[in-house]
PDB file of N, CA and C in Angstrom:
ATOM      1  N   MET A   1       4.146  -5.330  -6.870  1.00  0.00           N
ATOM      2  CA  MET A   1       5.115  -4.912  -6.335  1.00  0.00           C
ATOM      3  C   MET A   1       5.374  -3.664  -7.052  1.00  0.00           C
ATOM      4  N   GLY A   2       5.565  -2.884  -6.439  1.00  0.00           N
ATOM      5  CA  GLY A   2       6.052  -1.154  -7.092  1.00  0.00           C
ATOM      6  C   GLY A   2       4.809  -0.309  -6.664  1.00  0.00           C
ATOM      7  N   GLY A   3       4.962   1.004  -6.634  1.00  0.00           N
ATOM      8  CA  GLY A   3       3.846   1.701  -6.368  1.00  0.00           C
ATOM      9  C   GLY A   3       2.897   1.536  -7.610  1.00  0.00           C
ATOM     10  N   ASP A   4       3.300   1.621  -8.720  1.00  0.00           N
ATOM     11  CA  ASP A   4       2.117   1.731  -9.541  1.00  0.00           C
ATOM     12  C   ASP A   4       0.851   0.178  -9.590  1.00  0.00           C
ATOM     13  N   ALA A   5       1.665  -0.608  -9.197  1.00  0.00           N
ATOM     14  CA  ALA A   5       0.888  -1.808  -8.689  1.00  0.00           C
ATOM     15  C   ALA A   5       0.070  -1.781  -7.688  1.00  0.00           C
ATOM     16  N   ILE A   6       0.514  -1.265  -6.619  1.00  0.00           N
ATOM     17  CA  ILE A   6      -0.207  -0.995  -5.360  1.00  0.00           C
ATOM     18  C   ILE A   6      -0.987   0.227  -5.743  1.00  0.00           C
ATOM     19  N   ALA A   7      -0.727   1.218  -6.330  1.00  0.00           N
ATOM     20  CA  ALA A   7      -1.945   2.102  -6.612  1.00  0.00           C
ATOM     21  C   ALA A   7      -2.977   1.512  -7.479  1.00  0.00           C
ATOM     22  N   THR A   8      -2.644   0.968  -8.322  1.00  0.00           N
ATOM     23  CA  THR A   8      -3.652   0.343  -9.001  1.00  0.00           C
ATOM     24  C   THR A   8      -4.870  -0.748  -8.226  1.00  0.00           C
ATOM     25  N   TYR A   9      -4.268  -1.505  -7.314  1.00  0.00           N
ATOM     26  CA  TYR A   9      -4.515  -2.386  -6.092  1.00  0.00           C
ATOM     27  C   TYR A   9      -5.867  -1.340  -5.454  1.00  0.00           C
ATOM     28  N   LEU A  10      -5.054  -0.289  -5.172  1.00  0.00           N
ATOM     29  CA  LEU A  10      -5.958   0.493  -3.780  1.00  0.00           C
ATOM     30  C   LEU A  10      -6.766   1.604  -4.892  1.00  0.00           C
ATOM     31  N   GLY A  11      -7.134   1.816  -5.935  1.00  0.00           N
ATOM     32  CA  GLY A  11      -7.658   2.929  -7.037  1.00  0.00           C
ATOM     33  C   GLY A  11      -7.061   4.376  -6.367  1.00  0.00           C
ATOM     34  N   VAL A  12      -5.828   4.477  -6.073  1.00  0.00           N
ATOM     35  CA  VAL A  12      -5.164   5.814  -5.766  1.00  0.00           C
ATOM     36  C   VAL A  12      -3.928   6.268  -6.824  1.00  0.00           C
ATOM     37  N   THR A  13      -3.394   7.480  -6.613  1.00  0.00           N
ATOM     38  CA  THR A  13      -2.798   7.425  -7.619  1.00  0.00           C
ATOM     39  C   THR A  13      -1.193   6.765  -6.998  1.00  0.00           C
ATOM     40  N   ARG A  14      -0.061   7.101  -7.789  1.00  0.00           N
ATOM     41  CA  ARG A  14       1.431   6.453  -7.152  1.00  0.00           C
ATOM     42  C   ARG A  14       2.073   7.352  -6.253  1.00  0.00           C
ATOM     43  N   ARG A  15       1.548   8.743  -6.155  1.00  0.00           N
ATOM     44  CA  ARG A  15       1.850   9.744  -5.406  1.00  0.00           C
ATOM     45  C   ARG A  15       1.376   9.394  -4.145  1.00  0.00           C
ATOM     46  N   GLN A  16       0.002   9.232  -4.242  1.00  0.00           N
ATOM     47  CA  GLN A  16      -0.832   8.589  -3.005  1.00  0.00           C
ATOM     48  C   GLN A  16      -0.135   7.551  -2.454  1.00  0.00           C
ATOM     49  N   VAL A  17      -0.095   6.559  -3.093  1.00  0.00           N
ATOM     50  CA  VAL A  17       1.045   5.237  -2.395  1.00  0.00           C
ATOM     51  C   VAL A  17       2.250   5.852  -1.643  1.00  0.00           C
ATOM     52  N   TYR A  18       2.722   6.307  -2.450  1.00  0.00           N
ATOM     53  CA  TYR A  18       4.128   6.818  -1.419  1.00  0.00           C
ATOM     54  C   TYR A  18       3.985   7.634  -0.342  1.00  0.00           C
ATOM     55  N   ARG A  19       2.897   8.478  -0.713  1.00  0.00           N
ATOM     56  CA  ARG A  19       3.023   9.174   1.057  1.00  0.00           C
ATOM     57  C   ARG A  19       1.947   8.342   1.903  1.00  0.00           C
ATOM     58  N   LEU A  20       1.309   7.251   1.626  1.00  0.00           N
ATOM     59  CA  LEU A  20       0.735   6.485   2.590  1.00  0.00           C
ATOM     60  C   LEU A  20       2.095   5.569   2.961  1.00  0.00           C
ATOM     61  N   VAL A  21       2.858   5.250   2.401  1.00  0.00           N
ATOM     62  CA  VAL A  21       4.227   4.796   2.379  1.00  0.00           C
ATOM     63  C   VAL A  21       4.894   5.297   3.564  1.00  0.00           C
ATOM     64  N   TYR A  22       5.468   6.973   3.217  1.00  0.00           N
ATOM     65  CA  TYR A  22       6.250   7.339   3.834  1.00  0.00           C
ATOM     66  C   TYR A  22       5.609   7.887   5.433  1.00  0.00           C
ATOM     67  N   ASP A  23       4.147   8.011   5.346  1.00  0.00           N
ATOM     68  CA  ASP A  23       3.774   8.091   6.956  1.00  0.00           C
ATOM     69  C   ASP A  23       3.345   6.823   7.545  1.00  0.00           C
ATOM     70  N   GLU A  24       3.739   5.653   7.036  1.00  0.00           N
ATOM     71  CA  GLU A  24       3.583   4.607   7.601  1.00  0.00           C
ATOM     72  C   GLU A  24       2.256   4.222   7.542  1.00  0.00           C
ATOM     73  N   ILE A  25       0.905   4.541   6.681  1.00  0.00           N
ATOM     74  CA  ILE A  25      -0.301   4.332   6.760  1.00  0.00           C
ATOM     75  C   ILE A  25      -0.680   2.762   6.294  1.00  0.00           C
ATOM     76  N   ILE A  26       0.249   2.350   5.132  1.00  0.00           N
ATOM     77  CA  ILE A  26      -0.131   1.478   4.717  1.00  0.00           C
ATOM     78  C   ILE A  26       0.759   0.096   5.173  1.00  0.00           C
ATOM     79  N   PRO A  27       0.603  -1.080   5.217  1.00  0.00           N
ATOM     80  CA  PRO A  27       1.559  -2.298   5.488  1.00  0.00           C
ATOM     81  C   PRO A  27       2.251  -2.241   4.426  1.00  0.00           C
ATOM     82  N   SER A  28       3.265  -2.232   4.137  1.00  0.00           N
ATOM     83  CA  SER A  28       4.544  -2.115   3.260  1.00  0.00           C
ATOM     84  C   SER A  28       6.026  -2.199   3.681  1.00  0.00           C
ATOM     85  N   PHE A  29       6.579  -2.732   2.825  1.00  0.00           N
ATOM     86  CA  PHE A  29       8.180  -3.281   2.925  1.00  0.00           C
ATOM     87  C   PHE A  29       8.758  -2.340   1.641  1.00  0.00           C
ATOM     88  N   LYS A  30      10.232  -2.594   1.572  1.00  0.00           N
ATOM     89  CA  LYS A  30      11.329  -2.231   0.813  1.00  0.00           C
ATOM     90  C   LYS A  30      11.830  -3.690   0.119  1.00  0.00           C
ATOM     91  N   LEU A  31      11.783  -4.036  -1.025  1.00  0.00           N
ATOM     92  CA  LEU A  31      12.287  -4.892  -1.638  1.00  0.00           C
ATOM     93  C   LEU A  31      13.644  -4.217  -3.070  1.00  0.00           C
ATOM     94  N   GLY A  32      14.823  -4.265  -2.409  1.00  0.00           N
ATOM     95  CA  GLY A  32      15.785  -3.482  -2.926  1.00  0.00           C
ATOM     96  C   GLY A  32      15.405  -2.249  -2.445  1.00  0.00           C
ATOM     97  N   GLY A  33      15.146  -1.487  -3.957  1.00  0.00           N
ATOM     98  CA  GLY A  33      14.829   0.055  -3.806  1.00  0.00           C
ATOM     99  C   GLY A  33      13.547   0.161  -3.763  1.00  0.00           C
ATOM    100  N   THR A  34      12.584  -0.790  -4.071  1.00  0.00           N
ATOM    101  CA  THR A  34      11.409  -0.767  -4.377  1.00  0.00           C
ATOM    102  C   THR A  34      10.344  -1.011  -3.446  1.00  0.00           C
ATOM    103  N   VAL A  35       8.977  -0.008  -3.563  1.00  0.00           N
ATOM    104  CA  VAL A  35       8.031  -0.262  -2.506  1.00  0.00           C
ATOM    105  C   VAL A  35       7.613  -1.712  -2.924  1.00  0.00           C
ATOM    106  N   ALA A  36       6.832  -2.359  -1.830  1.00  0.00           N
ATOM    107  CA  ALA A  36       6.106  -3.619  -2.264  1.00  0.00           C
ATOM    108  C   ALA A  36       5.322  -3.523  -1.040  1.00  0.00           C
ATOM    109  N   ALA A  37       4.182  -4.432  -1.355  1.00  0.00           N
ATOM    110  CA  ALA A  37       3.300  -4.705  -0.462  1.00  0.00           C
ATOM    111  C   ALA A  37       2.277  -6.040  -0.828  1.00  0.00           C
ATOM    112  N   ARG A  38       1.979  -6.951  -0.236  1.00  0.00           N
ATOM    113  CA  ARG A  38       1.225  -8.324  -0.209  1.00  0.00           C
ATOM    114  C   ARG A  38       0.083  -7.932   0.080  1.00  0.00           C
ATOM    115  N   LYS A  39      -0.914  -8.328  -0.981  1.00  0.00           N
ATOM    116  CA  LYS A  39      -2.440  -7.904  -1.316  1.00  0.00           C
ATOM    117  C   LYS A  39      -2.990  -8.574  -0.320  1.00  0.00           C
ATOM    118  N   SER A  40      -2.564  -9.728   0.383  1.00  0.00           N
ATOM    119  CA  SER A  40      -3.228 -10.167   1.463  1.00  0.00           C
ATOM    120  C   SER A  40      -3.211  -9.133   2.557  1.00  0.00           C
ATOM    121  N   SER A  41      -2.099  -8.341   3.051  1.00  0.00           N
ATOM    122  CA  SER A  41      -1.885  -7.424   3.970  1.00  0.00           C
ATOM    123  C   SER A  41      -2.622  -5.978   3.513  1.00  0.00           C
ATOM    124  N   LEU A  42      -2.966  -5.843   2.410  1.00  0.00           N
ATOM    125  CA  LEU A  42      -3.533  -4.852   1.901  1.00  0.00           C
ATOM    126  C   LEU A  42      -4.972  -5.128   2.322  1.00  0.00           C
ATOM    127  N   THR A  43      -5.271  -6.113   1.698  1.00  0.00           N
ATOM    128  CA  THR A  43      -6.959  -6.267   2.258  1.00  0.00           C
ATOM    129  C   THR A  43      -7.151  -6.584   3.368  1.00  0.00           C
ATOM    130  N   THR A  44      -6.396  -6.883   4.211  1.00  0.00           N
ATOM    131  CA  THR A  44      -6.643  -6.867   5.712  1.00  0.00           C
ATOM    132  C   THR A  44      -6.851  -5.402   6.467  1.00  0.00           C
ATOM    133  N   TRP A  45      -5.608  -4.792   5.890  1.00  0.00           N
ATOM    134  CA  TRP A  45      -5.706  -3.716   6.279  1.00  0.00           C
ATOM    135  C   TRP A  45      -7.028  -2.532   6.088  1.00  0.00           C
ATOM    136  N   MET A  46      -7.670  -2.742   4.660  1.00  0.00           N
ATOM    137  CA  MET A  46      -8.634  -2.161   4.606  1.00  0.00           C
ATOM    138  C   MET A  46      -9.913  -2.779   4.973  1.00  0.00           C
ATOM    139  N   GLN A  47     -10.084  -4.266   5.249  1.00  0.00           N
ATOM    140  CA  GLN A  47     -11.233  -4.727   5.978  1.00  0.00           C
ATOM    141  C   GLN A  47     -10.965  -3.996   7.739  1.00  0.00           C
ATOM    142  N   ASP A  48      -9.705  -3.897   7.875  1.00  0.00           N
ATOM    143  CA  ASP A  48      -9.712  -3.278   9.360  1.00  0.00           C
ATOM    144  C   ASP A  48     -10.531  -1.749   9.604  1.00  0.00           C
ATOM    145  N   LEU A  49     -10.070  -1.100   8.461  1.00  0.00           N
ATOM    146  CA  LEU A  49     -10.615  -0.055   8.043  1.00  0.00           C
ATOM    147  C   LEU A  49     -12.025   0.347   7.788  1.00  0.00           C
ATOM    148  N   GLU A  50     -12.482  -0.416   7.324  1.00  0.00           N
ATOM    149  CA  GLU A  50     -14.147  -0.580   7.285  1.00  0.00           C
ATOM    150  C   GLU A  50     -14.883  -0.630   8.820  1.00  0.00           C
ATOM    151  N   ARG A  51     -14.288  -1.579   9.760  1.00  0.00           N
ATOM    152  CA  ARG A  51     -14.811  -1.878  10.637  1.00  0.00           C
ATOM    153  C   ARG A  51     -14.762  -0.925  11.950  1.00  0.00           C
ATOM    154  N   LYS A  52     -13.858   0.574  11.393  1.00  0.00           N
ATOM    155  CA  LYS A  52     -13.941   1.369  12.297  1.00  0.00           C
ATOM    156  C   LYS A  52     -14.717   2.313  11.861  1.00  0.00           C
TER     157      LYS A  52
END
């Protein structure tokens, strides 16, 4: 949960995470005022990208 945790998992910067969230590219949701994403959703999203 949080931009830093998502950035670490994806191997990108926190700024890139917020851009991906803003542009609705990665599966995410807000929990209070915090950006959150499930690892399983991010993993599925990455696997779908690899198939293209």
